[in-house]
Amino acid sequence: MTLKILYEDNHIIAVYKPACILAQSDETGEESVFDWVKKHIKEKYKKIGNVFLGLVHRLDRPVSGIMVFAKTSKGASRLSEQFRNHEVGKTYHAVVFGKMERKKGMIISHLKKNEDRNKVFVHKSASKDTKESELSYEVIESNGKFSLLKIKPLTGRSHQIRAQLSSIGHPIVGDIKYGAPESLSDNSIMLSATGLIFRKATGDELIKLEISPFGLPKS
């Protein structure tokens, strides 16, 4: 494993999460990006004993992209506040099936998560059990069979992008949970967190991180 570090200061570290790697370890005991970052900090700073690392957001297992962690309690507090108040600028890119009707658009949905199935369902109308979810998208490229989208979620719901795109008939390539006809060979999906903008833990300086998006599969 080679950890790809995108940004690091005294309070925050941002890294690239490969698809199909856990963001944080679960009951399977598999190694996660969280474990990799803790190991990096322990070795770099020659820390003895337990290393503090704050998990302030997650990416789904089959998703790749930018993840940011807090190295200090101050960093954790400042980052968590920004995520909680929707002050973090988030950009994703996804390859979906089909050609979008519009070059740009908004999707507004009412989502309800089934915890037992770990799946989100889109409802036509709001209820006390649903959460309103919004995202904007722009078509970057299309070959008829597939379209590459630039996506900005305006809310931060679980599986939001995956469920909302599927609900309008354009599931993400590889995402069989949300309507793709088949999985990819490595069980990844073509969704990546490609941009993140947040303020440093000290002061109001903005950190802007970007990685390259996918290309279109051959039609």
N, C-alpha and C. Protein backbone atom coordinates (compact mmCIF):
# COMPACT_ATOMS: atom_id res chain seq x y z
N MET A 1 0.84 -1.20 0.00
CA MET A 1 0.00 0.00 0.00
C MET A 1 0.88 1.25 0.00
N THR A 2 0.63 2.15 -0.94
CA THR A 2 1.29 3.44 -0.97
C THR A 2 0.23 4.52 -0.74
N LEU A 3 0.34 5.23 0.37
CA LEU A 3 -0.64 6.25 0.71
C LEU A 3 -0.36 7.50 -0.12
N LYS A 4 -1.36 7.96 -0.86
CA LYS A 4 -1.21 9.16 -1.67
C LYS A 4 -1.73 10.36 -0.87
N ILE A 5 -0.80 11.19 -0.41
CA ILE A 5 -1.15 12.35 0.41
C ILE A 5 -1.35 13.57 -0.50
N LEU A 6 -2.49 14.20 -0.38
CA LEU A 6 -2.83 15.35 -1.21
C LEU A 6 -2.56 16.67 -0.51
N TYR A 7 -2.62 16.65 0.83
CA TYR A 7 -2.39 17.87 1.63
C TYR A 7 -2.13 17.44 3.06
N GLU A 8 -1.24 18.17 3.74
CA GLU A 8 -1.00 17.89 5.16
C GLU A 8 -0.47 19.14 5.85
N ASP A 9 -1.05 19.45 7.02
CA ASP A 9 -0.48 20.48 7.89
C ASP A 9 -0.52 19.94 9.32
N ASN A 10 -0.37 20.79 10.31
CA ASN A 10 -0.30 20.31 11.70
C ASN A 10 -1.61 19.73 12.20
N HIS A 11 -2.73 20.13 11.59
CA HIS A 11 -4.04 19.74 12.10
C HIS A 11 -4.84 18.84 11.16
N ILE A 12 -4.51 18.84 9.87
CA ILE A 12 -5.35 18.18 8.87
C ILE A 12 -4.48 17.40 7.89
N ILE A 13 -5.01 16.29 7.43
CA ILE A 13 -4.36 15.54 6.35
C ILE A 13 -5.43 15.08 5.37
N ALA A 14 -5.17 15.25 4.08
CA ALA A 14 -6.08 14.81 3.04
C ALA A 14 -5.36 13.80 2.16
N VAL A 15 -6.06 12.71 1.84
CA VAL A 15 -5.45 11.63 1.08
C VAL A 15 -6.41 11.14 0.00
N TYR A 16 -5.87 10.33 -0.91
CA TYR A 16 -6.69 9.70 -1.94
C TYR A 16 -7.14 8.34 -1.44
N LYS A 17 -8.45 8.10 -1.47
CA LYS A 17 -9.00 6.79 -1.11
C LYS A 17 -9.26 5.98 -2.39
N PRO A 18 -8.60 4.86 -2.56
CA PRO A 18 -8.89 4.03 -3.73
C PRO A 18 -10.28 3.40 -3.61
N ALA A 19 -10.89 3.10 -4.73
CA ALA A 19 -12.16 2.38 -4.72
C ALA A 19 -11.97 1.00 -4.10
N CYS A 20 -13.02 0.52 -3.43
CA CYS A 20 -13.09 -0.82 -2.84
C CYS A 20 -12.27 -0.98 -1.57
N ILE A 21 -11.70 0.11 -1.06
CA ILE A 21 -11.03 0.10 0.24
C ILE A 21 -11.97 0.80 1.24
N LEU A 22 -12.10 0.23 2.42
CA LEU A 22 -12.94 0.83 3.44
C LEU A 22 -12.40 2.19 3.88
N ALA A 23 -13.31 3.13 4.15
CA ALA A 23 -12.89 4.41 4.73
C ALA A 23 -12.45 4.20 6.17
N GLN A 24 -13.20 3.37 6.90
CA GLN A 24 -12.91 3.06 8.29
C GLN A 24 -13.16 1.57 8.49
N SER A 25 -12.36 0.93 9.32
CA SER A 25 -12.50 -0.51 9.54
C SER A 25 -13.87 -0.85 10.10
N ASP A 26 -14.35 -2.03 9.73
CA ASP A 26 -15.63 -2.52 10.25
C ASP A 26 -15.43 -3.89 10.88
N GLU A 27 -16.53 -4.62 11.04
CA GLU A 27 -16.47 -5.92 11.72
C GLU A 27 -15.66 -6.95 10.95
N THR A 28 -15.39 -6.71 9.66
CA THR A 28 -14.60 -7.66 8.88
C THR A 28 -13.13 -7.65 9.29
N GLY A 29 -12.68 -6.55 9.90
CA GLY A 29 -11.29 -6.43 10.29
C GLY A 29 -10.35 -6.08 9.15
N GLU A 30 -10.91 -5.77 7.98
CA GLU A 30 -10.07 -5.40 6.84
C GLU A 30 -9.40 -4.05 7.08
N GLU A 31 -8.20 -3.91 6.51
CA GLU A 31 -7.47 -2.66 6.64
C GLU A 31 -8.21 -1.55 5.89
N SER A 32 -8.14 -0.35 6.44
CA SER A 32 -8.88 0.78 5.87
C SER A 32 -7.96 1.96 5.62
N VAL A 33 -8.48 2.98 4.93
CA VAL A 33 -7.73 4.22 4.72
C VAL A 33 -7.42 4.87 6.07
N PHE A 34 -8.36 4.81 6.99
CA PHE A 34 -8.14 5.32 8.35
C PHE A 34 -6.90 4.68 8.98
N ASP A 35 -6.77 3.37 8.84
CA ASP A 35 -5.60 2.65 9.37
C ASP A 35 -4.32 3.11 8.69
N TRP A 36 -4.38 3.29 7.37
CA TRP A 36 -3.19 3.72 6.63
C TRP A 36 -2.71 5.09 7.11
N VAL A 37 -3.66 6.00 7.33
CA VAL A 37 -3.28 7.36 7.73
C VAL A 37 -2.71 7.35 9.15
N LYS A 38 -3.30 6.57 10.04
CA LYS A 38 -2.76 6.47 11.40
C LYS A 38 -1.32 5.94 11.38
N LYS A 39 -1.09 4.95 10.54
CA LYS A 39 0.25 4.37 10.43
C LYS A 39 1.24 5.41 9.90
N HIS A 40 0.80 6.18 8.89
CA HIS A 40 1.65 7.24 8.34
C HIS A 40 2.05 8.24 9.41
N ILE A 41 1.08 8.70 10.20
CA ILE A 41 1.35 9.70 11.23
C ILE A 41 2.28 9.13 12.30
N LYS A 42 2.03 7.89 12.69
CA LYS A 42 2.85 7.25 13.72
C LYS A 42 4.31 7.13 13.28
N GLU A 43 4.50 6.76 12.02
CA GLU A 43 5.86 6.58 11.51
C GLU A 43 6.54 7.91 11.22
N LYS A 44 5.81 8.87 10.63
CA LYS A 44 6.40 10.15 10.26
C LYS A 44 6.86 10.93 11.49
N TYR A 45 6.02 10.93 12.53
CA TYR A 45 6.32 11.73 13.71
C TYR A 45 6.89 10.90 14.86
N LYS A 46 7.14 9.59 14.57
CA LYS A 46 7.72 8.68 15.56
C LYS A 46 6.96 8.73 16.88
N LYS A 47 5.64 8.64 16.76
CA LYS A 47 4.77 8.70 17.93
C LYS A 47 4.75 7.35 18.65
N ILE A 48 4.75 7.41 19.97
CA ILE A 48 4.67 6.21 20.80
C ILE A 48 3.25 6.09 21.33
N GLY A 49 2.70 4.88 21.28
CA GLY A 49 1.35 4.68 21.79
C GLY A 49 0.30 5.02 20.74
N ASN A 50 -0.91 5.25 21.22
CA ASN A 50 -2.03 5.50 20.32
C ASN A 50 -1.92 6.85 19.62
N VAL A 51 -2.34 6.88 18.38
CA VAL A 51 -2.29 8.11 17.57
C VAL A 51 -3.70 8.65 17.41
N PHE A 52 -3.90 9.94 17.68
CA PHE A 52 -5.21 10.55 17.46
C PHE A 52 -5.44 10.76 15.97
N LEU A 53 -6.63 10.37 15.51
CA LEU A 53 -7.03 10.67 14.15
C LEU A 53 -8.55 10.80 14.12
N GLY A 54 -9.03 11.94 13.65
CA GLY A 54 -10.46 12.19 13.63
C GLY A 54 -11.06 11.90 12.26
N LEU A 55 -12.09 11.06 12.23
CA LEU A 55 -12.82 10.77 10.99
C LEU A 55 -13.99 11.73 10.92
N VAL A 56 -13.96 12.66 9.97
CA VAL A 56 -14.99 13.72 9.92
C VAL A 56 -15.97 13.54 8.78
N HIS A 57 -15.69 12.63 7.84
CA HIS A 57 -16.64 12.29 6.78
C HIS A 57 -16.23 10.94 6.21
N ARG A 58 -17.08 10.38 5.38
CA ARG A 58 -16.81 9.05 4.81
C ARG A 58 -17.08 9.04 3.32
N LEU A 59 -16.50 8.06 2.66
CA LEU A 59 -16.86 7.71 1.29
C LEU A 59 -17.28 6.25 1.28
N ASP A 60 -18.31 5.92 0.50
CA ASP A 60 -18.73 4.54 0.39
C ASP A 60 -17.59 3.67 -0.12
N ARG A 61 -17.61 2.42 0.27
CA ARG A 61 -16.53 1.50 -0.09
C ARG A 61 -16.21 1.47 -1.59
N PRO A 62 -17.22 1.39 -2.49
CA PRO A 62 -16.87 1.29 -3.92
C PRO A 62 -16.49 2.61 -4.57
N VAL A 63 -16.51 3.70 -3.80
CA VAL A 63 -16.23 5.04 -4.32
C VAL A 63 -14.77 5.41 -4.07
N SER A 64 -14.17 6.09 -5.02
CA SER A 64 -12.80 6.58 -4.85
C SER A 64 -12.82 8.09 -4.59
N GLY A 65 -11.66 8.64 -4.22
CA GLY A 65 -11.58 10.09 -4.16
C GLY A 65 -10.94 10.66 -2.91
N ILE A 66 -11.14 11.96 -2.72
CA ILE A 66 -10.48 12.72 -1.67
C ILE A 66 -11.15 12.50 -0.33
N MET A 67 -10.35 12.16 0.66
CA MET A 67 -10.82 12.08 2.05
C MET A 67 -9.92 12.94 2.92
N VAL A 68 -10.54 13.64 3.87
CA VAL A 68 -9.79 14.48 4.78
C VAL A 68 -9.97 13.98 6.21
N PHE A 69 -8.89 13.97 6.98
CA PHE A 69 -8.90 13.52 8.36
C PHE A 69 -8.31 14.61 9.25
N ALA A 70 -8.67 14.57 10.52
CA ALA A 70 -8.13 15.53 11.49
C ALA A 70 -7.03 14.87 12.31
N LYS A 71 -5.90 15.55 12.41
CA LYS A 71 -4.76 15.04 13.18
C LYS A 71 -4.81 15.50 14.64
N THR A 72 -5.63 16.50 14.93
CA THR A 72 -5.74 17.05 16.29
C THR A 72 -7.21 17.26 16.62
N SER A 73 -7.50 17.44 17.91
CA SER A 73 -8.88 17.70 18.32
C SER A 73 -9.36 19.04 17.77
N LYS A 74 -8.46 20.00 17.65
CA LYS A 74 -8.83 21.30 17.08
C LYS A 74 -9.21 21.13 15.61
N GLY A 75 -8.42 20.36 14.89
CA GLY A 75 -8.74 20.10 13.50
C GLY A 75 -10.06 19.37 13.35
N ALA A 76 -10.32 18.40 14.23
CA ALA A 76 -11.57 17.64 14.19
C ALA A 76 -12.77 18.55 14.43
N SER A 77 -12.65 19.44 15.42
CA SER A 77 -13.74 20.35 15.74
C SER A 77 -14.04 21.30 14.58
N ARG A 78 -12.99 21.86 13.99
CA ARG A 78 -13.17 22.85 12.92
C ARG A 78 -13.72 22.18 11.65
N LEU A 79 -13.18 21.02 11.31
CA LEU A 79 -13.66 20.33 10.11
C LEU A 79 -15.10 19.83 10.29
N SER A 80 -15.38 19.26 11.45
CA SER A 80 -16.72 18.73 11.70
C SER A 80 -17.76 19.84 11.62
N GLU A 81 -17.41 21.00 12.13
CA GLU A 81 -18.32 22.15 12.09
C GLU A 81 -18.59 22.55 10.64
N GLN A 82 -17.56 22.56 9.82
CA GLN A 82 -17.73 22.94 8.41
C GLN A 82 -18.60 21.94 7.66
N PHE A 83 -18.39 20.65 7.91
CA PHE A 83 -19.22 19.64 7.26
C PHE A 83 -20.67 19.73 7.76
N ARG A 84 -20.83 19.92 9.05
CA ARG A 84 -22.17 20.00 9.65
C ARG A 84 -22.96 21.19 9.12
N ASN A 85 -22.28 22.29 8.89
CA ASN A 85 -22.94 23.51 8.42
C ASN A 85 -22.96 23.65 6.89
N HIS A 86 -22.58 22.58 6.20
CA HIS A 86 -22.56 22.55 4.73
C HIS A 86 -21.67 23.65 4.15
N GLU A 87 -20.54 23.88 4.81
CA GLU A 87 -19.59 24.91 4.37
C GLU A 87 -18.44 24.33 3.56
N VAL A 88 -18.40 23.03 3.43
CA VAL A 88 -17.36 22.37 2.64
C VAL A 88 -17.85 22.24 1.20
N GLY A 89 -17.05 22.72 0.27
CA GLY A 89 -17.39 22.58 -1.15
C GLY A 89 -17.00 21.20 -1.65
N LYS A 90 -17.97 20.44 -2.13
CA LYS A 90 -17.72 19.06 -2.57
C LYS A 90 -18.06 18.90 -4.05
N THR A 91 -17.14 18.31 -4.79
CA THR A 91 -17.37 18.02 -6.20
C THR A 91 -17.11 16.54 -6.44
N TYR A 92 -18.01 15.92 -7.19
CA TYR A 92 -17.85 14.53 -7.60
C TYR A 92 -17.91 14.45 -9.12
N HIS A 93 -17.34 13.39 -9.65
CA HIS A 93 -17.55 13.05 -11.05
C HIS A 93 -18.07 11.62 -11.10
N ALA A 94 -19.01 11.38 -12.01
CA ALA A 94 -19.58 10.05 -12.16
C ALA A 94 -19.79 9.75 -13.63
N VAL A 95 -19.64 8.50 -13.98
CA VAL A 95 -20.02 8.03 -15.31
C VAL A 95 -21.32 7.27 -15.16
N VAL A 96 -22.34 7.71 -15.88
CA VAL A 96 -23.67 7.10 -15.78
C VAL A 96 -24.07 6.51 -17.13
N PHE A 97 -25.07 5.66 -17.08
CA PHE A 97 -25.60 5.09 -18.32
C PHE A 97 -26.50 6.11 -19.01
N GLY A 98 -26.41 6.14 -20.33
CA GLY A 98 -27.33 6.93 -21.13
C GLY A 98 -26.91 8.38 -21.33
N LYS A 99 -27.72 9.07 -22.10
CA LYS A 99 -27.50 10.48 -22.41
C LYS A 99 -28.50 11.33 -21.64
N MET A 100 -28.02 12.29 -20.89
CA MET A 100 -28.90 13.15 -20.10
C MET A 100 -29.73 14.05 -21.03
N GLU A 101 -30.95 14.33 -20.62
CA GLU A 101 -31.82 15.18 -21.43
C GLU A 101 -31.32 16.62 -21.47
N ARG A 102 -30.71 17.06 -20.38
CA ARG A 102 -30.24 18.45 -20.29
C ARG A 102 -28.75 18.48 -20.01
N LYS A 103 -28.10 19.51 -20.49
CA LYS A 103 -26.66 19.70 -20.27
C LYS A 103 -26.36 19.98 -18.80
N LYS A 104 -27.25 20.74 -18.16
CA LYS A 104 -27.12 21.05 -16.74
C LYS A 104 -28.47 20.87 -16.08
N GLY A 105 -28.46 20.61 -14.78
CA GLY A 105 -29.75 20.46 -14.10
C GLY A 105 -29.59 20.29 -12.60
N MET A 106 -30.74 20.28 -11.95
CA MET A 106 -30.83 20.03 -10.51
C MET A 106 -31.71 18.81 -10.30
N ILE A 107 -31.39 18.02 -9.31
CA ILE A 107 -32.25 16.91 -8.90
C ILE A 107 -32.61 17.14 -7.44
N ILE A 108 -33.90 17.21 -7.17
CA ILE A 108 -34.39 17.36 -5.80
C ILE A 108 -35.25 16.14 -5.48
N SER A 109 -34.89 15.43 -4.43
CA SER A 109 -35.57 14.17 -4.10
C SER A 109 -35.84 14.09 -2.60
N HIS A 110 -36.75 13.18 -2.25
CA HIS A 110 -37.03 12.88 -0.85
C HIS A 110 -36.52 11.46 -0.59
N LEU A 111 -35.49 11.34 0.24
CA LEU A 111 -34.82 10.07 0.45
C LEU A 111 -35.12 9.48 1.82
N LYS A 112 -35.23 8.16 1.84
CA LYS A 112 -35.40 7.43 3.10
C LYS A 112 -34.46 6.24 3.08
N LYS A 113 -33.68 6.09 4.13
CA LYS A 113 -32.70 4.99 4.17
C LYS A 113 -33.25 3.80 4.93
N ASN A 114 -33.10 2.62 4.33
CA ASN A 114 -33.41 1.37 4.99
C ASN A 114 -32.12 0.85 5.60
N GLU A 115 -32.00 0.97 6.92
CA GLU A 115 -30.75 0.62 7.60
C GLU A 115 -30.44 -0.87 7.46
N ASP A 116 -31.47 -1.72 7.49
CA ASP A 116 -31.24 -3.16 7.42
C ASP A 116 -30.62 -3.56 6.08
N ARG A 117 -31.04 -2.87 5.02
CA ARG A 117 -30.53 -3.19 3.69
C ARG A 117 -29.39 -2.26 3.26
N ASN A 118 -29.09 -1.27 4.10
CA ASN A 118 -28.07 -0.27 3.78
C ASN A 118 -28.30 0.30 2.38
N LYS A 119 -29.54 0.72 2.16
CA LYS A 119 -29.92 1.25 0.85
C LYS A 119 -30.89 2.40 1.02
N VAL A 120 -30.77 3.39 0.13
CA VAL A 120 -31.63 4.57 0.17
C VAL A 120 -32.69 4.46 -0.91
N PHE A 121 -33.92 4.85 -0.56
CA PHE A 121 -35.02 4.81 -1.51
C PHE A 121 -35.56 6.23 -1.73
N VAL A 122 -35.93 6.50 -2.97
CA VAL A 122 -36.46 7.81 -3.35
C VAL A 122 -37.99 7.77 -3.28
N HIS A 123 -38.57 8.73 -2.56
CA HIS A 123 -40.03 8.82 -2.44
C HIS A 123 -40.52 10.06 -3.20
N LYS A 124 -41.73 9.95 -3.74
CA LYS A 124 -42.28 11.03 -4.56
C LYS A 124 -42.60 12.27 -3.74
N SER A 125 -42.98 12.07 -2.48
CA SER A 125 -43.37 13.21 -1.65
C SER A 125 -42.68 13.14 -0.30
N ALA A 126 -42.64 14.28 0.37
CA ALA A 126 -41.98 14.37 1.67
C ALA A 126 -42.85 13.74 2.76
N SER A 127 -42.18 13.19 3.76
CA SER A 127 -42.86 12.67 4.95
C SER A 127 -41.92 12.86 6.13
N LYS A 128 -42.39 12.50 7.31
CA LYS A 128 -41.55 12.68 8.50
C LYS A 128 -40.33 11.77 8.48
N ASP A 129 -40.38 10.73 7.63
CA ASP A 129 -39.27 9.78 7.57
C ASP A 129 -38.28 10.06 6.44
N THR A 130 -38.60 11.01 5.57
CA THR A 130 -37.73 11.29 4.43
C THR A 130 -36.90 12.54 4.67
N LYS A 131 -35.81 12.65 3.92
CA LYS A 131 -34.95 13.82 3.97
C LYS A 131 -34.82 14.41 2.57
N GLU A 132 -35.08 15.71 2.47
CA GLU A 132 -34.94 16.36 1.17
C GLU A 132 -33.47 16.41 0.77
N SER A 133 -33.20 16.07 -0.47
CA SER A 133 -31.82 16.00 -0.96
C SER A 133 -31.73 16.69 -2.30
N GLU A 134 -30.67 17.49 -2.46
CA GLU A 134 -30.48 18.26 -3.69
C GLU A 134 -29.06 18.08 -4.22
N LEU A 135 -28.96 18.03 -5.52
CA LEU A 135 -27.65 18.07 -6.17
C LEU A 135 -27.79 18.78 -7.51
N SER A 136 -26.69 19.35 -7.97
CA SER A 136 -26.64 19.91 -9.31
C SER A 136 -25.66 19.08 -10.14
N TYR A 137 -25.91 19.03 -11.43
CA TYR A 137 -25.01 18.27 -12.30
C TYR A 137 -24.77 19.03 -13.60
N GLU A 138 -23.65 18.70 -14.22
CA GLU A 138 -23.30 19.24 -15.53
C GLU A 138 -22.70 18.11 -16.35
N VAL A 139 -23.16 17.97 -17.58
CA VAL A 139 -22.60 16.95 -18.46
C VAL A 139 -21.28 17.46 -19.02
N ILE A 140 -20.21 16.71 -18.77
CA ILE A 140 -18.88 17.08 -19.26
C ILE A 140 -18.63 16.46 -20.64
N GLU A 141 -19.11 15.24 -20.79
CA GLU A 141 -18.86 14.50 -22.04
C GLU A 141 -19.88 13.38 -22.15
N SER A 142 -20.26 13.04 -23.37
CA SER A 142 -21.19 11.93 -23.58
C SER A 142 -20.93 11.29 -24.92
N ASN A 143 -21.07 9.96 -24.96
CA ASN A 143 -20.94 9.26 -26.25
C ASN A 143 -22.23 8.53 -26.61
N GLY A 144 -23.31 8.92 -25.96
CA GLY A 144 -24.60 8.29 -26.22
C GLY A 144 -24.90 7.17 -25.26
N LYS A 145 -23.97 6.23 -25.12
CA LYS A 145 -24.18 5.12 -24.19
C LYS A 145 -23.85 5.52 -22.76
N PHE A 146 -22.81 6.36 -22.59
CA PHE A 146 -22.37 6.79 -21.26
C PHE A 146 -22.24 8.31 -21.23
N SER A 147 -22.40 8.87 -20.04
CA SER A 147 -22.18 10.31 -19.85
C SER A 147 -21.32 10.54 -18.62
N LEU A 148 -20.37 11.45 -18.73
CA LEU A 148 -19.55 11.86 -17.61
C LEU A 148 -20.15 13.12 -17.01
N LEU A 149 -20.49 13.07 -15.73
CA LEU A 149 -21.13 14.19 -15.05
C LEU A 149 -20.23 14.79 -13.98
N LYS A 150 -20.28 16.11 -13.86
CA LYS A 150 -19.70 16.82 -12.73
C LYS A 150 -20.85 17.13 -11.78
N ILE A 151 -20.71 16.74 -10.53
CA ILE A 151 -21.84 16.78 -9.58
C ILE A 151 -21.44 17.55 -8.34
N LYS A 152 -22.36 18.39 -7.89
CA LYS A 152 -22.18 19.11 -6.62
C LYS A 152 -23.37 18.82 -5.72
N PRO A 153 -23.19 17.98 -4.70
CA PRO A 153 -24.30 17.73 -3.77
C PRO A 153 -24.49 18.94 -2.85
N LEU A 154 -25.73 19.41 -2.75
CA LEU A 154 -26.02 20.55 -1.89
C LEU A 154 -26.46 20.11 -0.50
N THR A 155 -26.75 18.82 -0.37
CA THR A 155 -27.00 18.21 0.93
C THR A 155 -26.07 17.01 1.03
N GLY A 156 -25.87 16.50 2.22
CA GLY A 156 -24.89 15.43 2.41
C GLY A 156 -25.50 14.14 2.88
N ARG A 157 -26.47 13.62 2.14
CA ARG A 157 -27.17 12.40 2.54
C ARG A 157 -26.40 11.14 2.13
N SER A 158 -26.59 10.10 2.90
CA SER A 158 -25.99 8.80 2.59
C SER A 158 -26.49 8.29 1.24
N HIS A 159 -25.58 7.87 0.39
CA HIS A 159 -25.89 7.30 -0.93
C HIS A 159 -26.68 8.26 -1.81
N GLN A 160 -26.66 9.53 -1.49
CA GLN A 160 -27.49 10.51 -2.18
C GLN A 160 -27.29 10.52 -3.70
N ILE A 161 -26.05 10.67 -4.13
CA ILE A 161 -25.76 10.77 -5.56
C ILE A 161 -26.18 9.49 -6.27
N ARG A 162 -25.87 8.36 -5.68
CA ARG A 162 -26.17 7.07 -6.29
C ARG A 162 -27.67 6.88 -6.46
N ALA A 163 -28.43 7.18 -5.42
CA ALA A 163 -29.88 6.99 -5.46
C ALA A 163 -30.56 8.00 -6.38
N GLN A 164 -30.13 9.26 -6.32
CA GLN A 164 -30.79 10.28 -7.12
C GLN A 164 -30.56 10.09 -8.62
N LEU A 165 -29.35 9.74 -9.01
CA LEU A 165 -29.09 9.50 -10.44
C LEU A 165 -29.86 8.28 -10.94
N SER A 166 -29.91 7.25 -10.11
CA SER A 166 -30.67 6.06 -10.49
C SER A 166 -32.16 6.38 -10.65
N SER A 167 -32.67 7.27 -9.79
CA SER A 167 -34.10 7.58 -9.80
C SER A 167 -34.55 8.27 -11.08
N ILE A 168 -33.62 8.90 -11.79
CA ILE A 168 -33.99 9.56 -13.05
C ILE A 168 -33.57 8.73 -14.27
N GLY A 169 -33.24 7.46 -14.00
CA GLY A 169 -32.95 6.54 -15.10
C GLY A 169 -31.52 6.52 -15.58
N HIS A 170 -30.60 7.05 -14.78
CA HIS A 170 -29.19 7.09 -15.18
C HIS A 170 -28.30 6.56 -14.04
N PRO A 171 -28.37 5.25 -13.78
CA PRO A 171 -27.52 4.70 -12.71
C PRO A 171 -26.04 4.83 -13.04
N ILE A 172 -25.23 4.86 -11.99
CA ILE A 172 -23.77 4.94 -12.14
C ILE A 172 -23.24 3.59 -12.62
N VAL A 173 -22.30 3.64 -13.54
CA VAL A 173 -21.69 2.42 -14.07
C VAL A 173 -21.09 1.60 -12.93
N GLY A 174 -21.47 0.33 -12.88
CA GLY A 174 -20.97 -0.59 -11.86
C GLY A 174 -21.82 -0.67 -10.60
N ASP A 175 -22.77 0.25 -10.44
CA ASP A 175 -23.52 0.35 -9.18
C ASP A 175 -24.78 -0.53 -9.23
N ILE A 176 -24.59 -1.83 -9.08
CA ILE A 176 -25.73 -2.76 -9.17
C ILE A 176 -26.72 -2.55 -8.03
N LYS A 177 -26.28 -2.01 -6.91
CA LYS A 177 -27.21 -1.73 -5.81
C LYS A 177 -28.26 -0.71 -6.23
N TYR A 178 -27.89 0.18 -7.14
CA TYR A 178 -28.80 1.24 -7.56
C TYR A 178 -29.09 1.18 -9.07
N GLY A 179 -29.22 -0.02 -9.58
CA GLY A 179 -29.80 -0.17 -10.90
C GLY A 179 -28.88 -0.40 -12.08
N ALA A 180 -27.57 -0.41 -11.89
CA ALA A 180 -26.68 -0.74 -13.00
C ALA A 180 -26.88 -2.20 -13.39
N PRO A 181 -26.82 -2.53 -14.67
CA PRO A 181 -27.10 -3.91 -15.11
C PRO A 181 -26.05 -4.93 -14.71
N GLU A 182 -24.82 -4.47 -14.47
CA GLU A 182 -23.76 -5.40 -14.07
C GLU A 182 -22.69 -4.66 -13.27
N SER A 183 -21.96 -5.43 -12.49
CA SER A 183 -20.88 -4.85 -11.70
C SER A 183 -19.60 -4.79 -12.52
N LEU A 184 -18.66 -3.97 -12.07
CA LEU A 184 -17.33 -3.95 -12.67
C LEU A 184 -16.50 -5.08 -12.07
N SER A 185 -15.41 -5.41 -12.72
CA SER A 185 -14.63 -6.59 -12.32
C SER A 185 -14.07 -6.47 -10.91
N ASP A 186 -13.79 -5.22 -10.46
CA ASP A 186 -13.23 -5.04 -9.12
C ASP A 186 -14.28 -4.60 -8.11
N ASN A 187 -15.56 -4.59 -8.51
CA ASN A 187 -16.68 -4.19 -7.66
C ASN A 187 -16.68 -2.70 -7.30
N SER A 188 -15.90 -1.90 -8.00
CA SER A 188 -15.95 -0.45 -7.82
C SER A 188 -17.14 0.11 -8.59
N ILE A 189 -17.46 1.38 -8.34
CA ILE A 189 -18.43 2.08 -9.17
C ILE A 189 -17.75 3.34 -9.70
N MET A 190 -18.28 3.85 -10.81
CA MET A 190 -17.62 5.00 -11.45
C MET A 190 -18.13 6.32 -10.85
N LEU A 191 -17.83 6.46 -9.57
CA LEU A 191 -18.14 7.68 -8.81
C LEU A 191 -16.90 8.03 -8.01
N SER A 192 -16.45 9.27 -8.12
CA SER A 192 -15.24 9.69 -7.42
C SER A 192 -15.41 11.09 -6.84
N ALA A 193 -14.94 11.25 -5.60
CA ALA A 193 -14.92 12.57 -4.96
C ALA A 193 -13.69 13.30 -5.45
N THR A 194 -13.88 14.22 -6.40
CA THR A 194 -12.76 14.80 -7.13
C THR A 194 -12.37 16.21 -6.66
N GLY A 195 -13.19 16.82 -5.81
CA GLY A 195 -12.87 18.17 -5.36
C GLY A 195 -13.37 18.41 -3.94
N LEU A 196 -12.56 19.13 -3.18
CA LEU A 196 -12.92 19.46 -1.79
C LEU A 196 -12.35 20.83 -1.46
N ILE A 197 -13.19 21.70 -0.93
CA ILE A 197 -12.76 23.02 -0.50
C ILE A 197 -13.18 23.22 0.95
N PHE A 198 -12.22 23.56 1.81
CA PHE A 198 -12.51 23.75 3.23
C PHE A 198 -11.54 24.76 3.81
N ARG A 199 -11.85 25.26 4.99
CA ARG A 199 -10.96 26.20 5.66
C ARG A 199 -10.00 25.47 6.58
N LYS A 200 -8.80 26.01 6.70
CA LYS A 200 -7.81 25.43 7.61
C LYS A 200 -8.31 25.51 9.05
N ALA A 201 -7.73 24.69 9.91
CA ALA A 201 -8.13 24.68 11.32
C ALA A 201 -7.74 25.97 12.03
N THR A 202 -6.73 26.65 11.51
CA THR A 202 -6.30 27.93 12.08
C THR A 202 -6.50 29.02 11.03
N GLY A 203 -7.33 30.00 11.31
CA GLY A 203 -7.58 31.07 10.36
C GLY A 203 -8.63 30.69 9.33
N ASP A 204 -8.80 31.54 8.33
CA ASP A 204 -9.84 31.35 7.32
C ASP A 204 -9.28 31.05 5.93
N GLU A 205 -8.02 30.66 5.86
CA GLU A 205 -7.44 30.32 4.56
C GLU A 205 -8.13 29.09 3.98
N LEU A 206 -8.50 29.19 2.70
CA LEU A 206 -9.17 28.08 2.03
C LEU A 206 -8.16 27.11 1.44
N ILE A 207 -8.43 25.83 1.61
CA ILE A 207 -7.66 24.78 0.97
C ILE A 207 -8.52 24.20 -0.14
N LYS A 208 -8.00 24.18 -1.37
CA LYS A 208 -8.73 23.66 -2.52
C LYS A 208 -7.99 22.45 -3.08
N LEU A 209 -8.64 21.31 -3.04
CA LEU A 209 -8.03 20.08 -3.51
C LEU A 209 -8.80 19.54 -4.71
N GLU A 210 -8.07 19.06 -5.71
CA GLU A 210 -8.69 18.50 -6.90
C GLU A 210 -7.89 17.29 -7.39
N ILE A 211 -8.60 16.31 -7.91
CA ILE A 211 -7.96 15.19 -8.60
C ILE A 211 -8.66 15.00 -9.94
N SER A 212 -8.02 14.29 -10.84
CA SER A 212 -8.58 14.10 -12.18
C SER A 212 -9.77 13.15 -12.16
N PRO A 213 -10.80 13.43 -12.96
CA PRO A 213 -11.95 12.53 -13.03
C PRO A 213 -11.70 11.34 -13.96
N PHE A 214 -12.70 10.46 -14.01
CA PHE A 214 -12.66 9.34 -14.94
C PHE A 214 -12.73 9.83 -16.38
N GLY A 215 -12.33 8.94 -17.29
CA GLY A 215 -12.68 9.11 -18.69
C GLY A 215 -13.89 8.24 -19.00
N LEU A 216 -14.49 8.44 -20.16
CA LEU A 216 -15.64 7.62 -20.55
C LEU A 216 -15.19 6.22 -20.98
N PRO A 217 -15.95 5.19 -20.60
CA PRO A 217 -15.67 3.86 -21.14
C PRO A 217 -15.94 3.85 -22.64
N LYS A 218 -15.39 2.88 -23.32
CA LYS A 218 -15.67 2.74 -24.75
C LYS A 218 -17.11 2.28 -24.94
N SER A 219 -17.80 2.88 -25.86
CA SER A 219 -19.21 2.53 -26.08
C SER A 219 -19.33 1.22 -26.85
